[in-house]
Protein backbone atom coordinates (compact mmCIF):
# COMPACT_ATOMS: atom_id res chain seq x y z
CA MET A 1 15.92 31.36 108.63
CA LEU A 2 18.23 28.75 110.21
CA LYS A 3 21.25 30.35 108.55
CA THR A 4 20.23 33.77 109.91
CA ILE A 5 19.98 32.37 113.45
CA GLN A 6 23.37 30.67 113.12
CA LEU A 7 24.97 33.92 111.92
CA PHE A 8 23.36 35.81 114.84
CA PHE A 9 24.75 33.42 117.46
CA ALA A 10 28.14 33.34 115.75
CA GLY A 11 28.29 37.12 115.94
CA LEU A 12 27.12 37.10 119.56
CA PHE A 13 29.82 34.54 120.46
CA LEU A 14 32.54 36.70 118.87
CA LEU A 15 31.26 39.77 120.73
CA MET A 16 31.25 37.96 124.09
CA SER A 17 34.68 36.45 123.42
CA SER A 18 36.07 39.89 122.69
CA PHE A 19 34.52 41.29 125.90
CA THR A 20 35.71 38.53 128.22
CA SER A 21 39.19 38.35 126.69
CA GLY A 22 39.47 42.06 127.41
CA LEU A 23 38.79 41.33 131.07
CA VAL A 24 41.73 38.95 131.32
CA SER A 25 44.09 40.97 129.15
CA ASP A 26 47.63 41.59 130.42
CA ASP A 27 46.71 45.28 130.41
CA PHE A 28 44.68 44.58 133.55
CA SER A 29 47.37 42.62 135.39
CA PHE A 30 48.03 43.96 138.90
CA ASN A 31 49.99 41.12 140.46
CA GLY A 32 53.62 41.96 141.20
CA ALA A 33 55.71 44.96 142.25
CA TRP A 34 55.23 48.59 141.26
CA LYS A 35 57.31 51.70 141.90
CA THR A 36 57.07 55.47 141.58
CA GLN A 37 59.60 58.12 142.57
CA GLU A 38 59.72 61.88 143.11
CA GLY A 39 63.25 63.10 143.84
CA THR A 40 64.70 60.82 146.51
CA LEU A 41 61.25 59.84 147.78
CA GLU A 42 60.27 56.36 146.57
CA GLN A 43 57.04 54.42 146.82
CA ALA A 44 56.79 50.64 146.50
CA LEU A 45 53.48 48.87 145.92
CA LEU A 46 53.34 45.06 146.17
CA PHE A 47 50.39 42.85 145.16
CA SER A 48 50.32 39.10 145.77
CA ASP A 49 47.52 36.58 146.37
CA GLY A 50 44.93 39.25 147.17
CA TYR A 51 47.11 41.16 149.67
CA PHE A 52 48.93 44.46 149.11
CA MET A 53 51.52 46.59 150.89
CA HIS A 54 52.26 50.23 150.01
CA THR A 55 55.29 52.01 151.48
CA VAL A 56 56.89 55.44 151.18
CA TYR A 57 60.62 55.70 151.95
CA ASP A 58 63.91 57.42 151.06
CA ILE A 59 66.87 55.11 150.44
CA GLN A 60 69.39 57.91 149.90
CA ASN A 61 68.64 59.50 153.26
CA LYS A 62 67.80 56.17 154.96
CA GLN A 63 64.32 57.25 156.01
CA PHE A 64 61.19 55.20 156.49
CA ILE A 65 58.16 57.48 155.97
CA GLN A 66 54.99 55.37 156.19
CA SER A 67 53.37 52.08 155.20
CA ARG A 68 49.97 50.43 154.96
CA GLY A 69 48.43 47.25 153.64
CA GLY A 70 45.47 44.91 153.51
CA THR A 71 43.37 42.83 151.18
CA TYR A 72 42.32 43.88 147.69
CA GLU A 73 40.04 43.09 144.75
CA ILE A 74 39.93 44.48 141.23
CA SER A 75 36.82 45.89 139.56
CA GLY A 76 37.52 46.98 136.01
CA LYS A 77 40.20 49.66 136.35
CA ASN A 78 39.46 50.26 140.02
CA LEU A 79 41.42 48.85 142.93
CA ASN A 80 39.25 48.15 146.00
CA VAL A 81 41.13 47.62 149.26
CA LYS A 82 40.38 46.92 152.91
CA ILE A 83 43.06 48.32 155.21
CA GLU A 84 44.62 46.09 157.91
CA PHE A 85 47.46 48.41 158.96
CA ASN A 86 48.44 52.03 158.43
CA THR A 87 51.44 53.60 160.16
CA HIS A 88 50.30 57.12 159.31
CA ASP A 89 46.59 56.91 160.13
CA LYS A 90 45.44 53.98 162.26
CA GLU A 91 41.82 55.18 162.04
CA GLN A 92 41.87 54.05 158.41
CA ILE A 93 42.25 50.43 159.59
CA GLY A 94 39.11 48.43 158.77
CA GLN A 95 37.98 50.89 156.11
CA SER A 96 37.22 49.89 152.52
CA LEU A 97 38.68 52.30 149.96
CA SER A 98 38.72 52.50 146.17
CA TYR A 99 41.42 53.86 143.86
CA ILE A 100 42.02 54.23 140.15
CA PHE A 101 44.62 51.78 138.86
CA ALA A 102 44.53 51.77 135.06
CA VAL A 103 47.22 49.46 133.68
CA SER A 104 48.69 49.56 130.19
CA LYS A 105 51.96 48.05 128.94
CA GLY A 106 53.58 47.73 132.35
CA LYS A 107 52.62 51.22 133.53
CA SER A 108 49.78 52.60 135.61
CA ASN A 109 48.28 55.96 136.43
CA SER A 110 46.93 55.72 139.95
CA ASP A 111 45.76 57.94 142.81
CA ILE A 112 46.55 55.35 145.50
CA SER A 113 49.21 57.64 147.00
CA GLY A 114 46.72 60.49 147.44
CA LYS A 115 47.42 62.10 144.09
CA LYS A 116 47.60 60.79 140.55
CA LEU A 117 51.10 59.48 139.76
CA SER A 118 52.66 57.29 137.12
CA TRP A 119 53.77 53.85 138.36
CA MET A 120 56.14 51.42 136.65
CA MET A 121 55.80 47.64 136.99
CA LEU A 122 59.00 46.02 138.30
CA ASP A 123 57.88 42.38 138.07
CA LYS A 124 54.76 40.26 137.52
CA GLY A 125 54.80 38.49 140.88
CA GLU A 126 56.14 35.24 139.49
CA GLY A 127 58.61 33.08 141.41
CA GLU A 128 59.04 29.92 143.45
CA ILE A 129 58.25 31.65 146.75
CA ALA A 130 56.10 34.53 145.45
CA GLY A 131 52.98 34.99 147.56
CA THR A 132 51.71 36.36 150.87
CA TRP A 133 53.06 34.42 153.85
CA ARG A 134 52.26 34.40 157.58
CA MET A 135 54.84 33.40 160.16
CA SER A 136 53.35 30.21 161.58
CA GLY A 137 56.12 28.51 163.51
CA ARG A 138 59.64 28.57 164.97
CA LYS A 139 62.23 25.95 165.76
CA GLN A 140 63.52 25.97 169.33
CA ASP A 141 65.69 23.32 170.95
CA GLY A 142 65.50 21.28 167.75
CA LYS A 143 61.69 21.19 167.70
CA ILE A 144 59.32 23.22 165.51
CA THR A 145 56.38 24.74 167.36
CA TYR A 146 53.44 26.01 165.30
CA SER A 147 51.09 28.86 166.21
CA PRO A 148 47.44 28.99 165.07
CA PRO A 149 46.25 32.04 163.09
CA ARG A 150 45.44 34.99 165.35
CA ALA A 151 44.89 38.75 165.23
CA ARG A 152 48.51 39.61 165.93
CA LYS A 153 50.52 38.34 162.98
CA THR A 154 53.63 38.87 160.91
CA LEU A 155 53.05 38.83 157.16
CA LYS A 156 55.57 38.84 154.34
CA VAL A 157 54.61 39.71 150.76
CA LEU A 158 56.96 38.39 148.08
CA THR A 159 56.65 39.29 144.40
CA GLY A 160 59.15 38.20 141.76
CA THR A 161 61.91 40.51 143.00
CA ARG A 162 60.71 42.43 146.06
CA PHE A 163 59.70 41.66 149.64
CA GLN A 164 58.07 43.40 152.58
CA TRP A 165 57.17 42.08 156.01
CA ALA A 166 54.87 43.73 158.53
CA ALA A 167 54.03 42.81 162.14
CA ILE A 168 50.49 43.99 162.88
CA ASN A 169 47.25 43.50 164.81
CA ALA A 170 44.26 44.67 162.80
CA GLU A 171 41.83 44.13 165.70
CA THR A 172 43.67 46.43 168.13
CA LYS A 173 45.08 48.64 165.32
CA GLU A 174 48.62 48.06 166.60
CA PHE A 175 51.71 48.19 164.41
CA PHE A 176 54.97 46.58 165.51
CA GLY A 177 57.35 47.07 162.59
CA THR A 178 58.03 46.60 158.88
CA GLY A 179 60.91 46.28 156.47
CA GLY A 180 61.42 45.62 152.80
CA GLY A 181 63.53 45.81 149.68
CA THR A 182 64.70 43.38 147.02
CA TYR A 183 65.39 39.65 147.25
CA THR A 184 66.75 36.66 145.36
CA PHE A 185 66.10 32.96 145.93
CA GLU A 186 68.53 30.61 144.22
CA LYS A 187 69.74 27.09 145.04
CA GLY A 188 68.30 27.14 148.54
CA LYS A 189 69.74 30.55 149.42
CA TYR A 190 67.39 33.46 150.15
CA THR A 191 69.05 36.90 150.16
CA GLU A 192 67.41 40.18 151.12
CA LYS A 193 68.76 43.67 150.45
CA ILE A 194 67.09 46.13 152.83
CA GLU A 195 65.74 49.41 151.41
CA PHE A 196 63.66 50.45 154.43
CA PHE A 197 63.29 49.30 158.03
CA SER A 198 60.93 51.09 160.42
CA ARG A 199 62.77 49.94 163.55
CA ASP A 200 66.33 50.84 162.54
CA ASN A 201 67.16 53.11 159.58
CA SER A 202 70.86 52.26 159.91
CA ARG A 203 70.10 48.80 158.44
CA VAL A 204 69.25 50.29 155.03
CA GLY A 205 71.65 48.94 152.40
CA ALA A 206 72.48 45.79 154.37
CA SER A 207 72.17 42.33 152.82
CA LEU A 208 71.07 39.23 154.74
CA THR A 209 71.33 35.66 153.44
CA PHE A 210 69.32 32.73 154.79
CA ASP A 211 68.85 29.07 154.00
CA GLY A 212 65.41 28.51 152.53
CA LYS A 213 63.29 25.61 151.34
CA LEU A 214 59.70 24.71 150.58
CA ALA A 215 58.38 21.68 152.44
CA ASP A 216 54.74 20.50 152.62
CA GLY A 217 53.58 23.85 151.26
CA ASN A 218 55.44 25.81 153.96
CA TRP A 219 58.54 27.98 153.58
CA HIS A 220 61.35 27.18 156.02
CA HIS A 221 63.69 30.09 156.62
CA SER A 222 66.85 29.89 158.75
CA GLY A 223 70.03 31.87 159.45
CA LEU A 224 70.96 35.01 161.37
CA SER A 225 68.53 37.89 161.90
CA SER A 226 69.35 41.57 161.35
CA THR A 227 70.48 41.68 164.99
CA GLY A 228 72.81 38.70 164.49
CA ASN A 229 70.70 36.19 166.42
CA PRO A 230 70.07 32.71 164.97
CA ILE A 231 66.53 32.10 163.71
CA TYR A 232 64.53 29.26 162.21
CA GLU A 233 61.11 30.37 161.02
CA VAL A 234 58.28 28.56 159.26
CA TRP A 235 55.95 30.57 157.02
CA SER A 236 52.56 29.43 155.69
CA ARG A 237 50.50 31.02 152.95
CA GLU A 238 48.14 33.60 154.44
CA LEU A 239 45.73 33.45 151.50
CA LYS A 240 45.06 30.87 148.81
CA ARG A 241 46.99 31.47 145.61
CA LYS A 242 44.69 33.26 143.19
CA SER A 243 45.03 34.22 139.56
CA ASP A 244 44.61 37.84 138.54
CA CYS A 245 41.29 36.79 137.02
CA GLN A 246 40.03 35.33 140.30
CA LEU A 247 40.81 38.58 142.11
CA ARG A 248 38.42 40.50 139.91
CA ILE A 249 34.91 41.29 141.04
CA LEU A 250 33.79 41.14 137.40
CA ALA A 251 33.28 37.80 135.65
CA CYS A 252 36.27 36.22 133.93
CA ALA A 253 36.49 34.12 130.82
CA ASP A 254 36.65 30.36 131.23
């Protein structure tokens, strides 16, 4: 009898281990940058620390089409989002929406763009400055002044290779601008290559290099802006760093 009970619990343990390991499998990893393309029209989808940004643009013709973003959680193969900005439909701001996002071997079939398309993973969101950041301070006259969190904010999502910033106010549904593309961060030098910029399409293709460092958990960013003016910005993490497991609504394995 005792042996039968032991075998039962051993089998149950193996079954539960198989189930929970499936929940944390790499096949369900969302974090990072994704891309899909139809002709010259490209779509970039960035996930980092529970925040996402999704943008449609055309590099070849230097056109910004639309962008949106907000917080997200994962439930099985579904992506649940709450919209904080949408340049195409501001009435969507504040809404909770759900999309299919089934991941397998670095690819996904998803309807997040409005129709089912195949997406390719560009990176896994790993890097020294990967995360979702909020501009929290500026240096003026040699002194850094910090601003408390408020409704109007500028966020920047960084994955392993891509970036996008957006200036928004979710409470008033206002949008002030966005830009994005690829980046590198090596030996204290942060370099962006712009692929879209809602305020000035002529900036597409330009590269900007800044000095960058992490200090006390903040990211200090200094150099010349896209308009050629000197800047010194301080960015703080908007959301706590979370693992892909923690972002799931379903239970995760210990």
